Full PDB file with SEQRES, HELIX, SHEET, SSBOND, CRYST1, ORIGX, SCALE, CONECT and MASTER records, all heavy atoms in Angstrom:
SEQRES   1 A   44  ARG ILE GLY ASP PHE TYR VAL THR ALA GLN PRO THR ASP          
SEQRES   2 A   44  PRO GLU GLY LEU ASN VAL ALA HIS GLY LEU GLY ILE LYS          
SEQRES   3 A   44  SER VAL ILE CYS LEU ARG ASP ALA THR GLU GLN ALA ILE          
SEQRES   4 A   44  PRO PRO TYR LEU ALA                                          
HELIX    1 AA1 GLU A   15  GLY A   22  1                                   8    
CRYST1    1.000    1.000    1.000  90.00  90.00  90.00 P 1           1          
ORIGX1      1.000000  0.000000  0.000000        0.00000                         
ORIGX2      0.000000  1.000000  0.000000        0.00000                         
ORIGX3      0.000000  0.000000  1.000000        0.00000                         
SCALE1      1.000000  0.000000  0.000000        0.00000                         
SCALE2      0.000000  1.000000  0.000000        0.00000                         
SCALE3      0.000000  0.000000  1.000000        0.00000                         
ATOM      1  N   ARG A   1      36.464 -38.098  80.627  1.00  0.00           N  
ATOM      2  CA  ARG A   1      35.328 -37.182  80.528  1.00  0.00           C  
ATOM      3  C   ARG A   1      35.085 -36.575  81.901  1.00  0.00           C  
ATOM      4  O   ARG A   1      35.101 -37.265  82.920  1.00  0.00           O  
ATOM      5  CB  ARG A   1      34.080 -37.914  80.058  1.00  0.00           C  
ATOM      6  CG  ARG A   1      32.891 -36.986  79.917  1.00  0.00           C  
ATOM      7  CD  ARG A   1      31.673 -37.678  79.377  1.00  0.00           C  
ATOM      8  NE  ARG A   1      30.641 -36.678  79.187  1.00  0.00           N  
ATOM      9  CZ  ARG A   1      29.511 -36.889  78.579  1.00  0.00           C  
ATOM     10  NH1 ARG A   1      29.249 -38.087  78.090  1.00  0.00           N  
ATOM     11  NH2 ARG A   1      28.631 -35.927  78.457  1.00  0.00           N  
ATOM     12  N   ILE A   2      34.831 -35.270  81.882  1.00  0.00           N  
ATOM     13  CA  ILE A   2      34.448 -34.552  83.095  1.00  0.00           C  
ATOM     14  C   ILE A   2      33.278 -33.671  82.686  1.00  0.00           C  
ATOM     15  O   ILE A   2      33.467 -32.626  82.072  1.00  0.00           O  
ATOM     16  CB  ILE A   2      35.604 -33.692  83.670  1.00  0.00           C  
ATOM     17  CG1 ILE A   2      36.910 -34.493  83.787  1.00  0.00           C  
ATOM     18  CG2 ILE A   2      35.210 -33.124  85.034  1.00  0.00           C  
ATOM     19  CD1 ILE A   2      37.903 -34.199  82.724  1.00  0.00           C  
ATOM     20  N   GLY A   3      32.065 -34.126  82.954  1.00  0.00           N  
ATOM     21  CA  GLY A   3      30.891 -33.371  82.533  1.00  0.00           C  
ATOM     22  C   GLY A   3      30.845 -33.242  81.020  1.00  0.00           C  
ATOM     23  O   GLY A   3      30.880 -34.226  80.300  1.00  0.00           O  
ATOM     24  N   ASP A   4      30.809 -31.998  80.525  1.00  0.00           N  
ATOM     25  CA  ASP A   4      30.755 -31.737  79.088  1.00  0.00           C  
ATOM     26  C   ASP A   4      32.130 -31.569  78.458  1.00  0.00           C  
ATOM     27  O   ASP A   4      32.249 -31.068  77.340  1.00  0.00           O  
ATOM     28  CB  ASP A   4      29.943 -30.462  78.814  1.00  0.00           C  
ATOM     29  CG  ASP A   4      28.453 -30.720  78.835  1.00  0.00           C  
ATOM     30  OD1 ASP A   4      28.042 -31.892  78.730  1.00  0.00           O  
ATOM     31  OD2 ASP A   4      27.695 -29.740  78.948  1.00  0.00           O  
ATOM     32  N   PHE A   5      33.182 -31.960  79.178  1.00  0.00           N  
ATOM     33  CA  PHE A   5      34.541 -31.813  78.677  1.00  0.00           C  
ATOM     34  C   PHE A   5      35.217 -33.184  78.589  1.00  0.00           C  
ATOM     35  O   PHE A   5      35.021 -34.034  79.447  1.00  0.00           O  
ATOM     36  CB  PHE A   5      35.372 -30.918  79.597  1.00  0.00           C  
ATOM     37  CG  PHE A   5      34.918 -29.489  79.597  1.00  0.00           C  
ATOM     38  CD1 PHE A   5      33.926 -29.061  80.454  1.00  0.00           C  
ATOM     39  CD2 PHE A   5      35.482 -28.572  78.737  1.00  0.00           C  
ATOM     40  CE1 PHE A   5      33.497 -27.751  80.454  1.00  0.00           C  
ATOM     41  CE2 PHE A   5      35.067 -27.259  78.725  1.00  0.00           C  
ATOM     42  CZ  PHE A   5      34.073 -26.842  79.581  1.00  0.00           C  
ATOM     43  N   TYR A   6      36.008 -33.343  77.547  1.00  0.00           N  
ATOM     44  CA  TYR A   6      36.842 -34.528  77.382  1.00  0.00           C  
ATOM     45  C   TYR A   6      38.288 -34.054  77.345  1.00  0.00           C  
ATOM     46  O   TYR A   6      38.603 -33.057  76.675  1.00  0.00           O  
ATOM     47  CB  TYR A   6      36.525 -35.250  76.075  1.00  0.00           C  
ATOM     48  CG  TYR A   6      35.179 -35.925  76.049  1.00  0.00           C  
ATOM     49  CD1 TYR A   6      34.012 -35.192  75.881  1.00  0.00           C  
ATOM     50  CD2 TYR A   6      35.065 -37.301  76.190  1.00  0.00           C  
ATOM     51  CE1 TYR A   6      32.769 -35.803  75.851  1.00  0.00           C  
ATOM     52  CE2 TYR A   6      33.827 -37.931  76.159  1.00  0.00           C  
ATOM     53  CZ  TYR A   6      32.677 -37.166  75.985  1.00  0.00           C  
ATOM     54  OH  TYR A   6      31.456 -37.788  75.958  1.00  0.00           O  
ATOM     55  N   VAL A   7      39.166 -34.751  78.047  1.00  0.00           N  
ATOM     56  CA  VAL A   7      40.596 -34.457  78.079  1.00  0.00           C  
ATOM     57  C   VAL A   7      41.289 -35.726  77.598  1.00  0.00           C  
ATOM     58  O   VAL A   7      41.153 -36.778  78.230  1.00  0.00           O  
ATOM     59  CB  VAL A   7      41.046 -34.078  79.513  1.00  0.00           C  
ATOM     60  CG1 VAL A   7      42.537 -33.878  79.574  1.00  0.00           C  
ATOM     61  CG2 VAL A   7      40.306 -32.840  79.998  1.00  0.00           C  
ATOM     62  N   THR A   8      42.006 -35.622  76.452  1.00  0.00           N  
ATOM     63  CA  THR A   8      42.502 -36.842  75.827  1.00  0.00           C  
ATOM     64  C   THR A   8      43.886 -36.684  75.216  1.00  0.00           C  
ATOM     65  O   THR A   8      44.393 -35.584  75.044  1.00  0.00           O  
ATOM     66  CB  THR A   8      41.556 -37.313  74.691  1.00  0.00           C  
ATOM     67  OG1 THR A   8      41.736 -36.496  73.539  1.00  0.00           O  
ATOM     68  CG2 THR A   8      40.101 -37.298  75.109  1.00  0.00           C  
ATOM     69  N   ALA A   9      44.424 -37.833  74.845  1.00  0.00           N  
ATOM     70  CA  ALA A   9      45.583 -37.897  73.959  1.00  0.00           C  
ATOM     71  C   ALA A   9      45.086 -37.607  72.541  1.00  0.00           C  
ATOM     72  O   ALA A   9      43.893 -37.369  72.329  1.00  0.00           O  
ATOM     73  CB  ALA A   9      46.204 -39.296  74.040  1.00  0.00           C  
ATOM     74  N   GLN A  10      45.988 -37.648  71.564  1.00  0.00           N  
ATOM     75  CA  GLN A  10      45.623 -37.410  70.161  1.00  0.00           C  
ATOM     76  C   GLN A  10      44.586 -38.430  69.702  1.00  0.00           C  
ATOM     77  O   GLN A  10      44.845 -39.634  69.736  1.00  0.00           O  
ATOM     78  CB  GLN A  10      46.865 -37.519  69.271  1.00  0.00           C  
ATOM     79  CG  GLN A  10      46.594 -37.441  67.779  1.00  0.00           C  
ATOM     80  CD  GLN A  10      46.244 -36.045  67.326  1.00  0.00           C  
ATOM     81  OE1 GLN A  10      46.938 -35.096  67.648  1.00  0.00           O  
ATOM     82  NE2 GLN A  10      45.171 -35.910  66.566  1.00  0.00           N  
ATOM     83  N   PRO A  11      43.399 -37.972  69.287  1.00  0.00           N  
ATOM     84  CA  PRO A  11      42.423 -38.924  68.729  1.00  0.00           C  
ATOM     85  C   PRO A  11      42.961 -39.553  67.448  1.00  0.00           C  
ATOM     86  O   PRO A  11      43.716 -38.919  66.699  1.00  0.00           O  
ATOM     87  CB  PRO A  11      41.208 -38.036  68.414  1.00  0.00           C  
ATOM     88  CG  PRO A  11      41.367 -36.836  69.277  1.00  0.00           C  
ATOM     89  CD  PRO A  11      42.855 -36.627  69.377  1.00  0.00           C  
ATOM     90  N   THR A  12      42.580 -40.787  67.214  1.00  0.00           N  
ATOM     91  CA  THR A  12      42.974 -41.433  65.969  1.00  0.00           C  
ATOM     92  C   THR A  12      42.101 -40.877  64.848  1.00  0.00           C  
ATOM     93  O   THR A  12      40.990 -40.419  65.075  1.00  0.00           O  
ATOM     94  CB  THR A  12      42.810 -42.961  66.058  1.00  0.00           C  
ATOM     95  OG1 THR A  12      41.454 -43.268  66.357  1.00  0.00           O  
ATOM     96  CG2 THR A  12      43.724 -43.550  67.110  1.00  0.00           C  
ATOM     97  N   ASP A  13      42.625 -40.898  63.634  1.00  0.00           N  
ATOM     98  CA  ASP A  13      41.887 -40.371  62.490  1.00  0.00           C  
ATOM     99  C   ASP A  13      41.863 -41.440  61.406  1.00  0.00           C  
ATOM    100  O   ASP A  13      42.912 -41.991  61.076  1.00  0.00           O  
ATOM    101  CB  ASP A  13      42.573 -39.102  61.972  1.00  0.00           C  
ATOM    102  CG  ASP A  13      41.842 -38.474  60.798  1.00  0.00           C  
ATOM    103  OD1 ASP A  13      40.631 -38.731  60.655  1.00  0.00           O  
ATOM    104  OD2 ASP A  13      42.464 -37.749  60.026  1.00  0.00           O  
ATOM    105  N   PRO A  14      40.688 -41.751  60.888  1.00  0.00           N  
ATOM    106  CA  PRO A  14      39.408 -41.105  61.151  1.00  0.00           C  
ATOM    107  C   PRO A  14      38.582 -41.763  62.243  1.00  0.00           C  
ATOM    108  O   PRO A  14      37.609 -41.198  62.717  1.00  0.00           O  
ATOM    109  CB  PRO A  14      38.690 -41.228  59.809  1.00  0.00           C  
ATOM    110  CG  PRO A  14      39.157 -42.546  59.268  1.00  0.00           C  
ATOM    111  CD  PRO A  14      40.606 -42.663  59.728  1.00  0.00           C  
ATOM    112  N   GLU A  15      38.967 -42.956  62.686  1.00  0.00           N  
ATOM    113  CA  GLU A  15      38.116 -43.715  63.595  1.00  0.00           C  
ATOM    114  C   GLU A  15      37.809 -42.959  64.885  1.00  0.00           C  
ATOM    115  O   GLU A  15      36.654 -42.845  65.294  1.00  0.00           O  
ATOM    116  CB  GLU A  15      38.743 -45.079  63.928  1.00  0.00           C  
ATOM    117  CG  GLU A  15      38.902 -46.009  62.743  1.00  0.00           C  
ATOM    118  CD  GLU A  15      40.145 -45.712  61.905  1.00  0.00           C  
ATOM    119  OE1 GLU A  15      41.043 -44.985  62.382  1.00  0.00           O  
ATOM    120  OE2 GLU A  15      40.211 -46.193  60.767  1.00  0.00           O  
ATOM    121  N   GLY A  16      38.843 -42.444  65.559  1.00  0.00           N  
ATOM    122  CA  GLY A  16      38.621 -41.764  66.833  1.00  0.00           C  
ATOM    123  C   GLY A  16      37.814 -40.497  66.692  1.00  0.00           C  
ATOM    124  O   GLY A  16      36.980 -40.173  67.550  1.00  0.00           O  
ATOM    125  N   LEU A  17      38.029 -39.776  65.597  1.00  0.00           N  
ATOM    126  CA  LEU A  17      37.249 -38.558  65.374  1.00  0.00           C  
ATOM    127  C   LEU A  17      35.795 -38.905  65.074  1.00  0.00           C  
ATOM    128  O   LEU A  17      34.877 -38.193  65.503  1.00  0.00           O  
ATOM    129  CB  LEU A  17      37.868 -37.737  64.246  1.00  0.00           C  
ATOM    130  CG  LEU A  17      39.292 -37.240  64.521  1.00  0.00           C  
ATOM    131  CD1 LEU A  17      39.853 -36.523  63.301  1.00  0.00           C  
ATOM    132  CD2 LEU A  17      39.341 -36.348  65.747  1.00  0.00           C  
ATOM    133  N   ASN A  18      35.567 -40.008  64.352  1.00  0.00           N  
ATOM    134  CA  ASN A  18      34.189 -40.461  64.118  1.00  0.00           C  
ATOM    135  C   ASN A  18      33.521 -40.845  65.427  1.00  0.00           C  
ATOM    136  O   ASN A  18      32.347 -40.543  65.652  1.00  0.00           O  
ATOM    137  CB  ASN A  18      34.164 -41.654  63.158  1.00  0.00           C  
ATOM    138  CG  ASN A  18      34.503 -41.256  61.741  1.00  0.00           C  
ATOM    139  OD1 ASN A  18      34.344 -40.106  61.343  1.00  0.00           O  
ATOM    140  ND2 ASN A  18      34.992 -42.217  60.966  1.00  0.00           N  
ATOM    141  N   VAL A  19      34.259 -41.524  66.308  1.00  0.00           N  
ATOM    142  CA  VAL A  19      33.718 -41.910  67.613  1.00  0.00           C  
ATOM    143  C   VAL A  19      33.396 -40.659  68.429  1.00  0.00           C  
ATOM    144  O   VAL A  19      32.339 -40.567  69.052  1.00  0.00           O  
ATOM    145  CB  VAL A  19      34.691 -42.837  68.375  1.00  0.00           C  
ATOM    146  CG1 VAL A  19      34.232 -43.069  69.803  1.00  0.00           C  
ATOM    147  CG2 VAL A  19      34.835 -44.175  67.648  1.00  0.00           C  
ATOM    148  N   ALA A  20      34.298 -39.678  68.421  1.00  0.00           N  
ATOM    149  CA  ALA A  20      34.053 -38.427  69.144  1.00  0.00           C  
ATOM    150  C   ALA A  20      32.771 -37.768  68.635  1.00  0.00           C  
ATOM    151  O   ALA A  20      31.934 -37.315  69.425  1.00  0.00           O  
ATOM    152  CB  ALA A  20      35.243 -37.480  68.984  1.00  0.00           C  
ATOM    153  N   HIS A  21      32.605 -37.739  67.343  1.00  0.00           N  
ATOM    154  CA  HIS A  21      31.384 -37.181  66.752  1.00  0.00           C  
ATOM    155  C   HIS A  21      30.162 -37.975  67.223  1.00  0.00           C  
ATOM    156  O   HIS A  21      29.138 -37.396  67.595  1.00  0.00           O  
ATOM    157  CB  HIS A  21      31.491 -37.198  65.228  1.00  0.00           C  
ATOM    158  CG  HIS A  21      30.307 -36.630  64.543  1.00  0.00           C  
ATOM    159  ND1 HIS A  21      29.337 -37.422  63.976  1.00  0.00           N  
ATOM    160  CD2 HIS A  21      29.927 -35.338  64.339  1.00  0.00           C  
ATOM    161  CE1 HIS A  21      28.404 -36.651  63.450  1.00  0.00           C  
ATOM    162  NE2 HIS A  21      28.747 -35.381  63.656  1.00  0.00           N  
ATOM    163  N   GLY A  22      30.289 -39.291  67.225  1.00  0.00           N  
ATOM    164  CA  GLY A  22      29.192 -40.145  67.684  1.00  0.00           C  
ATOM    165  C   GLY A  22      28.845 -39.953  69.152  1.00  0.00           C  
ATOM    166  O   GLY A  22      27.709 -40.182  69.565  1.00  0.00           O  
ATOM    167  N   LEU A  23      29.818 -39.519  69.946  1.00  0.00           N  
ATOM    168  CA  LEU A  23      29.571 -39.232  71.365  1.00  0.00           C  
ATOM    169  C   LEU A  23      28.870 -37.886  71.558  1.00  0.00           C  
ATOM    170  O   LEU A  23      28.546 -37.507  72.676  1.00  0.00           O  
ATOM    171  CB  LEU A  23      30.886 -39.238  72.147  1.00  0.00           C  
ATOM    172  CG  LEU A  23      31.566 -40.593  72.315  1.00  0.00           C  
ATOM    173  CD1 LEU A  23      32.958 -40.424  72.919  1.00  0.00           C  
ATOM    174  CD2 LEU A  23      30.716 -41.511  73.174  1.00  0.00           C  
ATOM    175  N   GLY A  24      28.684 -37.152  70.465  1.00  0.00           N  
ATOM    176  CA  GLY A  24      28.023 -35.856  70.547  1.00  0.00           C  
ATOM    177  C   GLY A  24      28.961 -34.696  70.785  1.00  0.00           C  
ATOM    178  O   GLY A  24      28.512 -33.570  71.038  1.00  0.00           O  
ATOM    179  N   ILE A  25      30.265 -34.939  70.703  1.00  0.00           N  
ATOM    180  CA  ILE A  25      31.233 -33.856  70.887  1.00  0.00           C  
ATOM    181  C   ILE A  25      31.073 -32.874  69.732  1.00  0.00           C  
ATOM    182  O   ILE A  25      31.046 -33.259  68.570  1.00  0.00           O  
ATOM    183  CB  ILE A  25      32.663 -34.421  70.979  1.00  0.00           C  
ATOM    184  CG1 ILE A  25      32.792 -35.263  72.256  1.00  0.00           C  
ATOM    185  CG2 ILE A  25      33.698 -33.301  70.937  1.00  0.00           C  
ATOM    186  CD1 ILE A  25      34.054 -36.076  72.354  1.00  0.00           C  
ATOM    187  N   LYS A  26      30.965 -31.589  70.089  1.00  0.00           N  
ATOM    188  CA  LYS A  26      30.709 -30.556  69.088  1.00  0.00           C  
ATOM    189  C   LYS A  26      31.942 -29.730  68.750  1.00  0.00           C  
ATOM    190  O   LYS A  26      31.968 -29.065  67.711  1.00  0.00           O  
ATOM    191  CB  LYS A  26      29.607 -29.630  69.583  1.00  0.00           C  
ATOM    192  CG  LYS A  26      28.275 -30.334  69.741  1.00  0.00           C  
ATOM    193  CD  LYS A  26      27.213 -29.391  70.245  1.00  0.00           C  
ATOM    194  CE  LYS A  26      25.910 -30.159  70.417  1.00  0.00           C  
ATOM    195  NZ  LYS A  26      24.879 -29.326  71.010  1.00  0.00           N  
ATOM    196  N   SER A  27      32.948 -29.746  69.623  1.00  0.00           N  
ATOM    197  CA  SER A  27      34.120 -28.899  69.430  1.00  0.00           C  
ATOM    198  C   SER A  27      35.374 -29.619  69.887  1.00  0.00           C  
ATOM    199  O   SER A  27      35.330 -30.428  70.820  1.00  0.00           O  
ATOM    200  CB  SER A  27      33.982 -27.603  70.236  1.00  0.00           C  
ATOM    201  OG  SER A  27      32.783 -26.928  69.917  1.00  0.00           O  
ATOM    202  N   VAL A  28      36.506 -29.294  69.230  1.00  0.00           N  
ATOM    203  CA  VAL A  28      37.798 -29.875  69.576  1.00  0.00           C  
ATOM    204  C   VAL A  28      38.826 -28.752  69.662  1.00  0.00           C  
ATOM    205  O   VAL A  28      38.893 -27.894  68.771  1.00  0.00           O  
ATOM    206  CB  VAL A  28      38.241 -30.923  68.528  1.00  0.00           C  
ATOM    207  CG1 VAL A  28      39.664 -31.401  68.796  1.00  0.00           C  
ATOM    208  CG2 VAL A  28      37.266 -32.104  68.508  1.00  0.00           C  
ATOM    209  N   ILE A  29      39.609 -28.773  70.732  1.00  0.00           N  
ATOM    210  CA  ILE A  29      40.751 -27.876  70.866  1.00  0.00           C  
ATOM    211  C   ILE A  29      42.005 -28.743  70.870  1.00  0.00           C  
ATOM    212  O   ILE A  29      42.163 -29.618  71.720  1.00  0.00           O  
ATOM    213  CB  ILE A  29      40.703 -27.041  72.155  1.00  0.00           C  
ATOM    214  CG1 ILE A  29      39.457 -26.165  72.186  1.00  0.00           C  
ATOM    215  CG2 ILE A  29      41.972 -26.197  72.294  1.00  0.00           C  
ATOM    216  CD1 ILE A  29      39.283 -25.394  73.488  1.00  0.00           C  
ATOM    217  N   CYS A  30      42.880 -28.490  69.909  1.00  0.00           N  
ATOM    218  CA  CYS A  30      44.169 -29.182  69.814  1.00  0.00           C  
ATOM    219  C   CYS A  30      45.234 -28.275  70.420  1.00  0.00           C  
ATOM    220  O   CYS A  30      45.325 -27.103  70.072  1.00  0.00           O  
ATOM    221  CB  CYS A  30      44.485 -29.487  68.352  1.00  0.00           C  
ATOM    222  SG  CYS A  30      46.135 -30.164  68.098  1.00  0.00           S  
ATOM    223  N   LEU A  31      46.037 -28.817  71.316  1.00  0.00           N  
ATOM    224  CA  LEU A  31      47.095 -28.062  71.986  1.00  0.00           C  
ATOM    225  C   LEU A  31      48.478 -28.402  71.433  1.00  0.00           C  
ATOM    226  O   LEU A  31      49.486 -28.045  72.026  1.00  0.00           O  
ATOM    227  CB  LEU A  31      47.042 -28.345  73.499  1.00  0.00           C  
ATOM    228  CG  LEU A  31      45.694 -28.061  74.156  1.00  0.00           C  
ATOM    229  CD1 LEU A  31      45.695 -28.533  75.599  1.00  0.00           C  
ATOM    230  CD2 LEU A  31      45.335 -26.590  74.058  1.00  0.00           C  
ATOM    231  N   ARG A  32      48.505 -29.055  70.296  1.00  0.00           N  
ATOM    232  CA  ARG A  32      49.762 -29.539  69.724  1.00  0.00           C  
ATOM    233  C   ARG A  32      50.348 -28.555  68.730  1.00  0.00           C  
ATOM    234  O   ARG A  32      49.636 -27.842  68.034  1.00  0.00           O  
ATOM    235  CB  ARG A  32      49.522 -30.876  69.029  1.00  0.00           C  
ATOM    236  CG  ARG A  32      49.003 -31.926  70.015  1.00  0.00           C  
ATOM    237  CD  ARG A  32      48.988 -33.281  69.432  1.00  0.00           C  
ATOM    238  NE  ARG A  32      50.379 -33.737  69.297  1.00  0.00           N  
ATOM    239  CZ  ARG A  32      50.707 -34.838  68.633  1.00  0.00           C  
ATOM    240  NH1 ARG A  32      49.794 -35.565  68.043  1.00  0.00           N  
ATOM    241  NH2 ARG A  32      51.967 -35.202  68.561  1.00  0.00           N  
ATOM    242  N   ASP A  33      51.665 -28.596  68.652  1.00  0.00           N  
ATOM    243  CA  ASP A  33      52.421 -27.826  67.673  1.00  0.00           C  
ATOM    244  C   ASP A  33      52.479 -28.652  66.383  1.00  0.00           C  
ATOM    245  O   ASP A  33      52.702 -29.862  66.423  1.00  0.00           O  
ATOM    246  CB  ASP A  33      53.830 -27.592  68.229  1.00  0.00           C  
ATOM    247  CG  ASP A  33      54.680 -26.710  67.356  1.00  0.00           C  
ATOM    248  OD1 ASP A  33      54.585 -26.788  66.118  1.00  0.00           O  
ATOM    249  OD2 ASP A  33      55.455 -25.933  67.924  1.00  0.00           O  
ATOM    250  N   ALA A  34      52.292 -28.006  65.249  1.00  0.00           N  
ATOM    251  CA  ALA A  34      52.262 -28.707  63.964  1.00  0.00           C  
ATOM    252  C   ALA A  34      53.563 -29.435  63.641  1.00  0.00           C  
ATOM    253  O   ALA A  34      53.576 -30.317  62.779  1.00  0.00           O  
ATOM    254  CB  ALA A  34      51.929 -27.729  62.842  1.00  0.00           C  
ATOM    255  N   THR A  35      54.649 -29.104  64.314  1.00  0.00           N  
ATOM    256  CA  THR A  35      55.926 -29.764  64.028  1.00  0.00           C  
ATOM    257  C   THR A  35      56.140 -31.040  64.840  1.00  0.00           C  
ATOM    258  O   THR A  35      57.163 -31.708  64.669  1.00  0.00           O  
ATOM    259  CB  THR A  35      57.105 -28.806  64.294  1.00  0.00           C  
ATOM    260  OG1 THR A  35      57.136 -28.480  65.685  1.00  0.00           O  
ATOM    261  CG2 THR A  35      56.997 -27.547  63.455  1.00  0.00           C  
ATOM    262  N   GLU A  36      55.202 -31.390  65.707  1.00  0.00           N  
ATOM    263  CA  GLU A  36      55.383 -32.572  66.565  1.00  0.00           C  
ATOM    264  C   GLU A  36      55.371 -33.858  65.757  1.00  0.00           C  
ATOM    265  O   GLU A  36      54.453 -34.113  64.985  1.00  0.00           O  
ATOM    266  CB  GLU A  36      54.275 -32.634  67.626  1.00  0.00           C  
ATOM    267  CG  GLU A  36      54.409 -31.586  68.690  1.00  0.00           C  
ATOM    268  CD  GLU A  36      53.335 -31.705  69.759  1.00  0.00           C  
ATOM    269  OE1 GLU A  36      52.960 -32.846  70.131  1.00  0.00           O  
ATOM    270  OE2 GLU A  36      52.871 -30.652  70.217  1.00  0.00           O  
ATOM    271  N   GLN A  37      56.401 -34.647  65.973  1.00  0.00           N  
ATOM    272  CA  GLN A  37      56.526 -35.949  65.333  1.00  0.00           C  
ATOM    273  C   GLN A  37      55.947 -37.029  66.246  1.00  0.00           C  
ATOM    274  O   GLN A  37      55.713 -36.799  67.426  1.00  0.00           O  
ATOM    275  CB  GLN A  37      58.002 -36.251  65.051  1.00  0.00           C  
ATOM    276  CG  GLN A  37      58.675 -35.226  64.177  1.00  0.00           C  
ATOM    277  CD  GLN A  37      58.061 -35.146  62.790  1.00  0.00           C  
ATOM    278  OE1 GLN A  37      57.843 -36.160  62.146  1.00  0.00           O  
ATOM    279  NE2 GLN A  37      57.783 -33.933  62.334  1.00  0.00           N  
ATOM    280  N   ALA A  38      55.766 -38.209  65.695  1.00  0.00           N  
ATOM    281  CA  ALA A  38      55.326 -39.345  66.497  1.00  0.00           C  
ATOM    282  C   ALA A  38      56.439 -39.749  67.450  1.00  0.00           C  
ATOM    283  O   ALA A  38      57.601 -39.840  67.055  1.00  0.00           O  
ATOM    284  CB  ALA A  38      54.958 -40.523  65.605  1.00  0.00           C  
ATOM    285  N   ILE A  39      56.085 -39.936  68.698  1.00  0.00           N  
ATOM    286  CA  ILE A  39      56.997 -40.489  69.703  1.00  0.00           C  
ATOM    287  C   ILE A  39      56.221 -41.636  70.343  1.00  0.00           C  
ATOM    288  O   ILE A  39      55.437 -41.427  71.263  1.00  0.00           O  
ATOM    289  CB  ILE A  39      57.410 -39.437  70.752  1.00  0.00           C  
ATOM    290  CG1 ILE A  39      58.104 -38.255  70.080  1.00  0.00           C  
ATOM    291  CG2 ILE A  39      58.328 -40.082  71.798  1.00  0.00           C  
ATOM    292  CD1 ILE A  39      58.423 -37.103  71.008  1.00  0.00           C  
ATOM    293  N   PRO A  40      56.372 -42.856  69.770  1.00  0.00           N  
ATOM    294  CA  PRO A  40      55.564 -43.977  70.244  1.00  0.00           C  
ATOM    295  C   PRO A  40      55.564 -44.089  71.768  1.00  0.00           C  
ATOM    296  O   PRO A  40      56.604 -43.870  72.392  1.00  0.00           O  
ATOM    297  CB  PRO A  40      56.232 -45.193  69.588  1.00  0.00           C  
ATOM    298  CG  PRO A  40      56.859 -44.618  68.340  1.00  0.00           C  
ATOM    299  CD  PRO A  40      57.315 -43.235  68.738  1.00  0.00           C  
ATOM    300  N   PRO A  41      54.409 -44.330  72.337  1.00  0.00           N  
ATOM    301  CA  PRO A  41      53.183 -44.770  71.669  1.00  0.00           C  
ATOM    302  C   PRO A  41      52.303 -43.632  71.161  1.00  0.00           C  
ATOM    303  O   PRO A  41      51.189 -43.866  70.713  1.00  0.00           O  
ATOM    304  CB  PRO A  41      52.459 -45.524  72.786  1.00  0.00           C  
ATOM    305  CG  PRO A  41      52.807 -44.748  74.017  1.00  0.00           C  
ATOM    306  CD  PRO A  41      54.243 -44.304  73.794  1.00  0.00           C  
ATOM    307  N   TYR A  42      52.793 -42.403  71.177  1.00  0.00           N  
ATOM    308  CA  TYR A  42      51.962 -41.269  70.797  1.00  0.00           C  
ATOM    309  C   TYR A  42      52.067 -40.972  69.313  1.00  0.00           C  
ATOM    310  O   TYR A  42      53.139 -41.096  68.716  1.00  0.00           O  
ATOM    311  CB  TYR A  42      52.324 -40.036  71.638  1.00  0.00           C  
ATOM    312  CG  TYR A  42      52.246 -40.345  73.113  1.00  0.00           C  
ATOM    313  CD1 TYR A  42      53.388 -40.353  73.898  1.00  0.00           C  
ATOM    314  CD2 TYR A  42      51.037 -40.693  73.700  1.00  0.00           C  
ATOM    315  CE1 TYR A  42      53.319 -40.665  75.244  1.00  0.00           C  
ATOM    316  CE2 TYR A  42      50.963 -41.012  75.042  1.00  0.00           C  
ATOM    317  CZ  TYR A  42      52.102 -41.000  75.811  1.00  0.00           C  
ATOM    318  OH  TYR A  42      52.032 -41.321  77.134  1.00  0.00           O  
ATOM    319  N   LEU A  43      50.950 -40.571  68.740  1.00  0.00           N  
ATOM    320  CA  LEU A  43      50.859 -40.289  67.314  1.00  0.00           C  
ATOM    321  C   LEU A  43      51.476 -38.934  66.979  1.00  0.00           C  
ATOM    322  O   LEU A  43      51.581 -38.056  67.834  1.00  0.00           O  
ATOM    323  CB  LEU A  43      49.389 -40.285  66.891  1.00  0.00           C  
ATOM    324  CG  LEU A  43      48.597 -41.571  67.175  1.00  0.00           C  
ATOM    325  CD1 LEU A  43      47.123 -41.364  66.882  1.00  0.00           C  
ATOM    326  CD2 LEU A  43      49.160 -42.715  66.357  1.00  0.00           C  
ATOM    327  N   ALA A  44      51.834 -38.746  65.722  1.00  0.00           N  
ATOM    328  CA  ALA A  44      52.311 -37.454  65.235  1.00  0.00           C  
ATOM    329  C   ALA A  44      51.144 -36.479  65.178  1.00  0.00           C  
ATOM    330  O   ALA A  44      49.967 -36.875  65.201  1.00  0.00           O  
ATOM    331  CB  ALA A  44      52.922 -37.618  63.840  1.00  0.00           C  
TER     332      ALA A  44                                                      
MASTER        0    0    0    1    0    0    0    6  331    1    0    4          
END                                                                             
């Protein structure tokens, strides 16, 4: 977190997105390409 911005890896769904909502986050920008596969430890 940097002020009103969060910079993260892929949030988990639904738990991580629920947590983000609970933190008061109002907007999400995804920088991923829809064709990206999982490359452990990173999620698809």
